[in-house]
Protein backbone atom coordinates (compact mmCIF):
# COMPACT_ATOMS: atom_id res chain seq x y z
CA MET A 1 50.30 -1.81 13.26
CA LYS A 2 47.87 -1.42 16.22
CA PRO A 3 46.81 -4.51 18.28
CA LYS A 4 43.38 -5.62 17.72
CA ILE A 5 41.01 -5.90 20.72
CA SER A 6 38.66 -8.70 20.85
CA LEU A 7 34.92 -8.39 21.25
CA LEU A 8 35.16 -9.95 24.76
CA ALA A 9 37.66 -7.52 25.81
CA LEU A 10 35.76 -4.33 24.52
CA LEU A 11 32.33 -5.73 26.16
CA PHE A 12 34.44 -6.16 29.52
CA LEU A 13 35.96 -2.43 29.17
CA CYS A 14 32.71 -0.95 28.38
CA THR A 15 30.95 -2.79 31.45
CA ILE A 16 33.50 -1.41 33.82
CA SER A 17 32.94 1.93 32.53
CA LEU A 18 29.07 2.02 32.95
CA GLN A 19 29.67 0.34 36.46
CA ALA A 20 31.62 3.46 37.25
CA GLN A 21 29.32 5.75 36.13
CA SER A 22 26.17 3.98 37.46
CA SER A 23 27.99 3.82 41.04
CA LEU A 24 27.01 7.43 41.45
CA LYS A 25 23.22 6.76 41.47
CA LYS A 26 23.84 6.06 45.13
CA HIS A 27 26.51 6.66 47.84
CA PRO A 28 28.82 3.62 47.80
CA ASN A 29 29.19 1.07 50.58
CA THR A 30 32.74 1.90 51.64
CA LYS A 31 33.37 -0.98 53.98
CA GLY A 32 34.73 -3.32 51.65
CA LYS A 33 38.94 -3.98 51.37
CA VAL A 34 39.15 -1.92 48.17
CA TRP A 35 38.28 1.24 50.39
CA MET A 36 40.91 3.01 52.34
CA GLU A 37 41.02 5.57 55.01
CA LEU A 38 41.96 9.07 53.31
CA PHE A 39 43.97 10.06 56.59
CA ALA A 40 45.58 8.35 59.23
CA LYS A 41 43.84 8.75 62.78
CA ASP A 42 47.08 10.45 63.84
CA LEU A 43 47.10 12.47 60.67
CA SER A 44 50.57 11.29 60.20
CA ASN A 45 49.93 10.81 56.36
CA THR A 46 49.31 14.35 55.85
CA ILE A 47 50.62 17.63 54.71
CA LYS A 48 49.43 20.38 57.17
CA PRO A 49 50.21 23.38 59.20
CA ASP A 50 51.03 22.79 62.87
CA GLY A 51 48.29 23.15 65.52
CA ILE A 52 45.60 23.79 63.29
CA TRP A 53 43.79 20.52 62.19
CA SER A 54 42.75 18.10 64.67
CA VAL A 55 40.62 14.90 65.02
CA ASP A 56 38.49 14.49 68.27
CA ALA A 57 37.59 11.17 69.82
CA SER A 58 34.69 10.39 67.41
CA GLY A 59 36.78 10.80 64.23
CA VAL A 60 35.50 14.13 63.23
CA LEU A 61 38.13 16.58 61.56
CA THR A 62 38.04 20.21 61.66
CA ALA A 63 40.33 23.34 61.54
CA THR A 64 40.82 26.49 63.63
CA GLU A 65 42.10 28.47 60.73
CA ASP A 66 41.81 29.06 57.17
CA GLN A 67 44.69 26.61 56.06
CA CYS A 68 44.39 23.40 53.98
CA ILE A 69 45.12 19.82 54.84
CA TRP A 70 46.45 17.53 52.20
CA THR A 71 47.11 13.77 51.31
CA SER A 72 50.72 13.09 51.25
CA LYS A 73 50.16 10.69 48.61
CA LYS A 74 49.08 11.87 45.04
CA TYR A 75 46.08 10.27 43.53
CA ASN A 76 44.80 10.12 39.61
CA ASP A 77 41.56 8.27 39.20
CA PHE A 78 39.51 7.64 42.39
CA ILE A 79 36.35 7.68 44.30
CA LEU A 80 36.31 9.79 47.26
CA ASP A 81 33.33 9.32 49.86
CA LEU A 82 32.99 11.50 52.86
CA GLU A 83 30.70 13.40 55.16
CA PHE A 84 30.57 17.16 56.09
CA LYS A 85 28.73 19.37 58.53
CA ASN A 86 28.56 23.00 58.00
CA ALA A 87 28.08 25.85 60.60
CA ASP A 88 26.35 29.17 60.07
CA GLY A 89 27.97 30.49 56.88
CA THR A 90 30.33 27.67 56.21
CA ASN A 91 32.55 28.20 52.84
CA SER A 92 34.79 25.17 52.63
CA GLY A 93 35.89 22.77 49.68
CA VAL A 94 37.13 19.36 48.68
CA ILE A 95 40.44 19.92 46.53
CA MET A 96 41.50 17.65 43.79
CA HIS A 97 44.41 17.33 41.34
CA CYS A 98 46.55 19.85 43.38
CA SER A 99 50.00 19.84 42.13
CA ASP A 100 51.33 22.59 44.08
CA THR A 101 50.02 22.66 47.95
CA LYS A 102 51.80 26.05 48.48
CA ASP A 103 49.93 27.76 45.80
CA TRP A 104 47.09 25.41 45.43
CA ILE A 105 44.29 27.84 44.07
CA PRO A 106 45.43 28.01 40.63
CA ASN A 107 46.92 24.59 40.55
CA SER A 108 44.02 22.48 41.40
CA VAL A 109 39.92 22.26 41.17
CA GLU A 110 37.78 22.44 44.01
CA VAL A 111 34.22 20.78 44.68
CA GLN A 112 32.51 23.48 46.64
CA ILE A 113 31.24 23.32 50.19
CA ALA A 114 28.94 26.12 51.42
CA ASP A 115 26.07 27.03 53.54
CA ASP A 116 23.87 27.85 50.79
CA TRP A 117 21.16 28.57 53.54
CA ALA A 118 22.96 31.59 54.41
CA GLU A 119 22.17 34.74 52.50
CA LYS A 120 25.66 35.53 51.67
CA TRP A 121 26.26 32.14 49.80
CA ALA A 122 22.57 31.79 48.48
CA SER A 123 23.15 35.15 46.75
CA SER A 124 26.53 34.49 45.45
CA PRO A 125 27.18 33.17 41.82
CA LEU A 126 25.68 29.61 41.43
CA ASN A 127 29.26 28.25 40.68
CA TRP A 128 30.18 29.53 44.31
CA GLN A 129 27.31 27.22 45.68
CA CYS A 130 27.35 23.89 47.10
CA GLY A 131 27.90 20.94 44.58
CA ALA A 132 29.80 23.26 42.22
CA LEU A 133 33.09 22.81 40.58
CA PHE A 134 34.11 26.07 42.31
CA GLY A 135 34.20 29.07 39.97
CA ARG A 136 33.65 26.90 36.94
CA GLN A 137 30.39 24.98 36.75
CA ALA A 138 27.07 25.33 39.09
CA ALA A 139 25.33 22.33 40.51
CA VAL A 140 22.14 21.33 38.53
CA LYS A 141 20.36 21.89 41.74
CA GLN A 142 20.78 24.26 44.78
CA LYS A 143 20.09 23.69 48.31
CA VAL A 144 20.74 20.06 48.06
CA VAL A 145 23.12 20.66 51.23
CA LYS A 146 21.43 20.25 54.39
CA LYS A 147 21.03 23.16 57.10
CA PRO A 148 23.92 24.01 59.41
CA GLY A 149 24.49 21.35 61.99
CA GLU A 150 23.41 18.32 59.98
CA TRP A 151 25.69 15.88 58.30
CA ASN A 152 25.95 15.80 54.33
CA ASN A 153 27.21 12.82 52.34
CA TYR A 154 29.61 13.67 49.20
CA THR A 155 30.72 11.23 46.81
CA ILE A 156 33.26 12.51 43.92
CA MET A 157 34.74 10.41 41.26
CA CYS A 158 37.46 11.44 39.01
CA LYS A 159 38.15 9.31 36.18
CA GLY A 160 40.58 11.00 33.53
CA ARG A 161 39.58 14.41 33.15
CA LYS A 162 35.73 13.60 33.94
CA MET A 163 34.17 13.96 37.19
CA TRP A 164 30.82 12.94 38.93
CA ILE A 165 29.44 14.82 42.19
CA LEU A 166 27.05 13.24 44.34
CA LEU A 167 25.36 15.13 47.06
CA ASN A 168 23.09 13.70 49.71
CA GLY A 169 21.88 10.96 46.87
CA ILE A 170 21.47 13.48 44.13
CA LEU A 171 24.01 13.57 41.09
CA VAL A 172 24.35 17.30 41.23
CA ASN A 173 27.20 17.97 38.84
CA THR A 174 28.90 15.79 35.94
CA LEU A 175 31.66 17.50 33.91
CA ASP A 176 34.84 16.85 31.84
CA LEU A 177 37.80 19.21 32.56
CA LYS A 178 38.94 19.15 28.96
CA ASP A 179 36.22 21.50 28.19
CA PHE A 180 37.47 24.12 30.31
CA THR A 181 40.04 25.55 28.14
CA GLN A 182 39.76 29.28 28.26
CA GLN A 183 41.17 31.43 31.45
CA LYS A 184 38.50 33.98 31.81
CA VAL A 185 35.23 32.26 30.56
CA ASN A 186 33.73 28.77 31.28
CA PRO A 187 32.00 26.89 28.68
CA ASP A 188 28.63 27.81 29.72
CA GLY A 189 29.51 31.67 29.33
CA SER A 190 30.14 32.32 33.25
CA GLU A 191 32.97 34.28 34.32
CA VAL A 192 36.09 32.40 35.84
CA PRO A 193 37.11 34.18 39.07
CA ALA A 194 40.41 35.76 38.15
CA TRP A 195 42.36 33.84 40.87
CA LEU A 196 41.77 30.68 38.86
CA SER A 197 44.42 31.66 36.47
CA LYS A 198 45.09 28.37 34.74
CA PRO A 199 42.41 26.73 32.70
CA ALA A 200 41.23 23.56 34.25
CA ALA A 201 41.90 21.52 31.34
CA THR A 202 45.71 22.22 31.43
CA LEU A 203 45.98 21.09 34.95
CA PRO A 204 47.98 17.80 35.74
CA LEU A 205 45.68 15.13 36.97
CA LEU A 206 47.91 13.44 39.50
CA GLY A 207 47.98 15.50 42.60
CA HIS A 208 47.29 15.84 46.14
CA ILE A 209 43.54 15.47 47.71
CA GLY A 210 42.87 18.51 50.25
CA PHE A 211 40.16 20.10 52.39
CA GLN A 212 39.81 23.72 52.91
CA GLY A 213 39.73 24.92 56.67
CA LYS A 214 37.95 27.52 58.54
CA HIS A 215 37.13 29.82 55.57
CA ALA A 216 35.18 33.11 56.07
CA GLY A 217 35.13 32.70 59.69
CA ALA A 218 33.10 29.76 59.83
CA PRO A 219 34.28 26.33 60.84
CA ILE A 220 33.80 23.02 58.68
CA TYR A 221 33.66 19.29 59.82
CA PHE A 222 34.48 16.25 58.17
CA ARG A 223 34.29 12.48 59.07
CA ASN A 224 34.36 9.06 57.45
CA MET A 225 36.76 10.31 54.44
CA ARG A 226 37.33 7.06 52.44
CA ILE A 227 38.82 6.62 48.94
CA ARG A 228 39.05 3.88 46.35
CA GLU A 229 41.48 4.21 43.47
CA LEU A 230 40.37 3.23 39.89
């Protein structure tokens, strides 16, 4: 026999769910005690290659090569808030639900970072542009990302298989990974890149969070990376 849930408890759960969703109408205040720095200042709580990732005196994280940096800890449900700055032609990403850091591409999902003002990315498929779940679902609006040299704000919430992506105050993407059941075609009919060889619906949720480094020859900069577990 299944236990009954009281009306008060049900209202409480509904309220928490609505609060979680409505929180992405604006970027959160991350100064509270429930928010933690994603990385230690000395990067001691990360998985990374030697000599590539560094943090300067102002707290800006960057890489000299196309190698990823990962949290040592694995996360499931969370809100991640951060700032990033592109250079001309930047192509990078925020990687979630990664179960294999050595073979991360088919074993994770990536929220795309790109310099959409550069022609080579502006002319790429929409689900390769900034705010997309890379290769899977495009943002509802393009060129929300600021021009190179300006700081952008990302807030990404993962709750179960649902994801919300807020970029510079605009909710640019909402999706449910359970809908991505096909290997070659996305729910909207777009083609899945061949290297994303595992349907997103089949991926484990508990995993590392990571950032892609200096990809396609252009650097990327991160700062103020804070996380709240849900």
